[in-house]
Amino acid sequence: MSNELSPHSNVASFSDWTVYRIGGGPQAPRSALPIGAEPAADLTRVVPVNISQDLLHLVLAVSYAKNQEEIISSNVAGFVYITDIDVQRRKITYLAPSAGELPGRILLLGTLTWLET
């Protein structure tokens, strides 16, 4: 078996993955806070993300976590690039560094977007 990495296009169903992002989330407006209080973001908050066209051209991390509670303390196995999202068929086409199933079903959304020019 070779350890060479070469991009492979794969297709997954929406139900195959759960996508989360870490940090942020909705904050209370200043008007809803006590006088003098500042809104604070929880940088370790794990927030579920709906799979939609918004994920197109994003790079997602593949987590080794088995559930939401393990995400913060788990390593990532690598990254995938989302090349197409078919909402009607509920399918995601992605590029992975190698063929085969991903080592995890939990993916993490960051801020990295990649557009091929």
C-alpha atoms as a PDB file:
ATOM      1  CA  MET A   1       0.000   0.000   0.000  1.00  0.00           C
ATOM      2  CA  SER A   2       1.288   3.440  -0.944  1.00  0.00           C
ATOM      3  CA  ASN A   3       1.174   6.405   1.413  1.00  0.00           C
ATOM      4  CA  GLU A   4       0.939   8.848  -1.477  1.00  0.00           C
ATOM      5  CA  LEU A   5      -1.723  11.501  -1.278  1.00  0.00           C
ATOM      6  CA  SER A   6      -3.584  12.493  -4.395  1.00  0.00           C
ATOM      7  CA  PRO A   7      -6.919  14.333  -4.407  1.00  0.00           C
ATOM      8  CA  HIS A   8      -9.912  12.057  -4.864  1.00  0.00           C
ATOM      9  CA  SER A   9     -13.454  13.206  -5.530  1.00  0.00           C
ATOM     10  CA  ASN A  10     -16.034  11.510  -3.314  1.00  0.00           C
ATOM     11  CA  VAL A  11     -19.761  11.880  -2.700  1.00  0.00           C
ATOM     12  CA  ALA A  12     -21.458  11.743   0.703  1.00  0.00           C
ATOM     13  CA  SER A  13     -25.056  12.044   1.833  1.00  0.00           C
ATOM     14  CA  PHE A  14     -26.077  14.835   4.174  1.00  0.00           C
ATOM     15  CA  SER A  15     -26.861  12.118   6.740  1.00  0.00           C
ATOM     16  CA  ASP A  16     -23.249  10.824   6.609  1.00  0.00           C
ATOM     17  CA  TRP A  17     -21.848  13.933   8.273  1.00  0.00           C
ATOM     18  CA  THR A  18     -22.521  16.315  11.121  1.00  0.00           C
ATOM     19  CA  VAL A  19     -20.958  19.753  10.696  1.00  0.00           C
ATOM     20  CA  TYR A  20     -20.081  22.094  13.566  1.00  0.00           C
ATOM     21  CA  ARG A  21     -18.216  25.328  14.049  1.00  0.00           C
ATOM     22  CA  ILE A  22     -16.365  26.339  17.171  1.00  0.00           C
ATOM     23  CA  GLY A  23     -16.727  29.714  18.859  1.00  0.00           C
ATOM     24  CA  GLY A  24     -19.023  32.638  18.362  1.00  0.00           C
ATOM     25  CA  GLY A  25     -22.686  31.978  18.106  1.00  0.00           C
ATOM     26  CA  PRO A  26     -25.467  34.472  18.663  1.00  0.00           C
ATOM     27  CA  GLN A  27     -24.810  37.101  21.286  1.00  0.00           C
ATOM     28  CA  ALA A  28     -27.281  39.147  23.245  1.00  0.00           C
ATOM     29  CA  PRO A  29     -27.520  42.751  22.028  1.00  0.00           C
ATOM     30  CA  ARG A  30     -25.976  45.350  24.321  1.00  0.00           C
ATOM     31  CA  SER A  31     -29.462  46.626  25.124  1.00  0.00           C
ATOM     32  CA  ALA A  32     -30.347  43.244  26.659  1.00  0.00           C
ATOM     33  CA  LEU A  33     -27.297  43.179  28.947  1.00  0.00           C
ATOM     34  CA  PRO A  34     -27.004  44.737  32.394  1.00  0.00           C
ATOM     35  CA  ILE A  35     -25.661  48.313  32.375  1.00  0.00           C
ATOM     36  CA  GLY A  36     -21.906  48.315  31.905  1.00  0.00           C
ATOM     37  CA  ALA A  37     -21.728  44.661  30.829  1.00  0.00           C
ATOM     38  CA  GLU A  38     -19.933  43.764  27.617  1.00  0.00           C
ATOM     39  CA  PRO A  39     -21.080  40.962  25.283  1.00  0.00           C
ATOM     40  CA  ALA A  40     -18.672  38.037  25.497  1.00  0.00           C
ATOM     41  CA  ALA A  41     -18.159  35.337  22.893  1.00  0.00           C
ATOM     42  CA  ASP A  42     -17.510  31.790  24.077  1.00  0.00           C
ATOM     43  CA  LEU A  43     -14.512  30.758  21.988  1.00  0.00           C
ATOM     44  CA  THR A  44     -15.009  27.080  22.841  1.00  0.00           C
ATOM     45  CA  ARG A  45     -18.732  26.901  22.131  1.00  0.00           C
ATOM     46  CA  VAL A  46     -19.594  24.112  19.664  1.00  0.00           C
ATOM     47  CA  VAL A  47     -22.407  25.160  17.326  1.00  0.00           C
ATOM     48  CA  PRO A  48     -24.177  22.817  14.858  1.00  0.00           C
ATOM     49  CA  VAL A  49     -24.190  23.996  11.228  1.00  0.00           C
ATOM     50  CA  ASN A  50     -26.889  23.117   8.708  1.00  0.00           C
ATOM     51  CA  ILE A  51     -25.526  21.622   5.508  1.00  0.00           C
ATOM     52  CA  SER A  52     -26.427  24.047   2.726  1.00  0.00           C
ATOM     53  CA  GLN A  53     -24.994  25.842  -0.313  1.00  0.00           C
ATOM     54  CA  ASP A  54     -23.128  28.060   2.185  1.00  0.00           C
ATOM     55  CA  LEU A  55     -20.526  25.279   2.564  1.00  0.00           C
ATOM     56  CA  LEU A  56     -19.602  25.339  -1.147  1.00  0.00           C
ATOM     57  CA  HIS A  57     -15.852  25.962  -1.739  1.00  0.00           C
ATOM     58  CA  LEU A  58     -15.057  25.722   1.971  1.00  0.00           C
ATOM     59  CA  VAL A  59     -12.347  23.604   3.554  1.00  0.00           C
ATOM     60  CA  LEU A  60     -13.646  21.523   6.471  1.00  0.00           C
ATOM     61  CA  ALA A  61     -11.615  19.680   9.093  1.00  0.00           C
ATOM     62  CA  VAL A  62     -12.398  15.995   9.688  1.00  0.00           C
ATOM     63  CA  SER A  63     -12.533  15.396  13.443  1.00  0.00           C
ATOM     64  CA  TYR A  64     -11.701  12.173  15.255  1.00  0.00           C
ATOM     65  CA  ALA A  65     -14.448  13.067  17.777  1.00  0.00           C
ATOM     66  CA  LYS A  66     -17.253  10.532  18.117  1.00  0.00           C
ATOM     67  CA  ASN A  67     -19.773  13.036  19.528  1.00  0.00           C
ATOM     68  CA  GLN A  68     -20.251  16.769  20.087  1.00  0.00           C
ATOM     69  CA  GLU A  69     -18.836  16.652  23.617  1.00  0.00           C
ATOM     70  CA  GLU A  70     -15.470  15.305  22.357  1.00  0.00           C
ATOM     71  CA  ILE A  71     -14.921  17.913  19.624  1.00  0.00           C
ATOM     72  CA  ILE A  72     -12.899  20.432  21.650  1.00  0.00           C
ATOM     73  CA  SER A  73     -10.500  17.779  22.969  1.00  0.00           C
ATOM     74  CA  SER A  74     -10.133  15.707  19.766  1.00  0.00           C
ATOM     75  CA  ASN A  75      -7.552  15.961  17.012  1.00  0.00           C
ATOM     76  CA  VAL A  76      -8.409  16.404  13.370  1.00  0.00           C
ATOM     77  CA  ALA A  77      -7.509  13.741  10.832  1.00  0.00           C
ATOM     78  CA  GLY A  78      -7.184  16.113   7.891  1.00  0.00           C
ATOM     79  CA  PHE A  79      -9.228  18.332   5.634  1.00  0.00           C
ATOM     80  CA  VAL A  80     -11.729  18.086   2.785  1.00  0.00           C
ATOM     81  CA  TYR A  81     -12.722  20.639   0.169  1.00  0.00           C
ATOM     82  CA  ILE A  82     -16.415  20.957  -0.754  1.00  0.00           C
ATOM     83  CA  THR A  83     -16.785  21.075  -4.562  1.00  0.00           C
ATOM     84  CA  ASP A  84     -20.570  20.690  -4.947  1.00  0.00           C
ATOM     85  CA  ILE A  85     -23.720  20.542  -2.846  1.00  0.00           C
ATOM     86  CA  ASP A  86     -26.913  19.097  -4.312  1.00  0.00           C
ATOM     87  CA  VAL A  87     -29.595  20.139  -1.851  1.00  0.00           C
ATOM     88  CA  GLN A  88     -32.405  18.320  -3.679  1.00  0.00           C
ATOM     89  CA  ARG A  89     -30.549  14.971  -3.715  1.00  0.00           C
ATOM     90  CA  ARG A  90     -28.980  15.747  -0.302  1.00  0.00           C
ATOM     91  CA  LYS A  91     -25.489  14.925  -1.611  1.00  0.00           C
ATOM     92  CA  ILE A  92     -22.119  16.589  -1.029  1.00  0.00           C
ATOM     93  CA  THR A  93     -19.220  16.210  -3.461  1.00  0.00           C
ATOM     94  CA  TYR A  94     -15.825  16.782  -1.892  1.00  0.00           C
ATOM     95  CA  LEU A  95     -12.125  16.354  -2.512  1.00  0.00           C
ATOM     96  CA  ALA A  96     -10.164  14.333   0.034  1.00  0.00           C
ATOM     97  CA  PRO A  97      -6.413  13.616   0.095  1.00  0.00           C
ATOM     98  CA  SER A  98      -7.027   9.910  -0.510  1.00  0.00           C
ATOM     99  CA  ALA A  99      -9.752   7.525  -1.631  1.00  0.00           C
ATOM    100  CA  GLY A 100     -12.043   5.717   0.791  1.00  0.00           C
ATOM    101  CA  GLU A 101     -14.199   6.661   3.729  1.00  0.00           C
ATOM    102  CA  LEU A 102     -13.264   9.539   5.971  1.00  0.00           C
ATOM    103  CA  PRO A 103     -11.925   8.564   9.411  1.00  0.00           C
ATOM    104  CA  GLY A 104     -14.687  10.550  11.118  1.00  0.00           C
ATOM    105  CA  ARG A 105     -18.283  11.658  10.598  1.00  0.00           C
ATOM    106  CA  ILE A 106     -17.918  15.005  12.383  1.00  0.00           C
ATOM    107  CA  LEU A 107     -16.601  17.887  10.297  1.00  0.00           C
ATOM    108  CA  LEU A 108     -15.578  21.318  11.537  1.00  0.00           C
ATOM    109  CA  LEU A 109     -16.265  24.546   9.722  1.00  0.00           C
ATOM    110  CA  GLY A 110     -13.613  27.236   9.799  1.00  0.00           C
ATOM    111  CA  THR A 111     -13.148  30.380   7.755  1.00  0.00           C
ATOM    112  CA  LEU A 112     -10.978  28.973   4.956  1.00  0.00           C
ATOM    113  CA  THR A 113     -12.463  29.298   1.463  1.00  0.00           C
ATOM    114  CA  TRP A 114     -10.624  28.075  -1.624  1.00  0.00           C
ATOM    115  CA  LEU A 115     -11.627  29.107  -5.136  1.00  0.00           C
ATOM    116  CA  GLU A 116      -9.693  27.580  -7.999  1.00  0.00           C
ATOM    117  CA  THR A 117      -8.801  30.166 -10.626  1.00  0.00           C
END
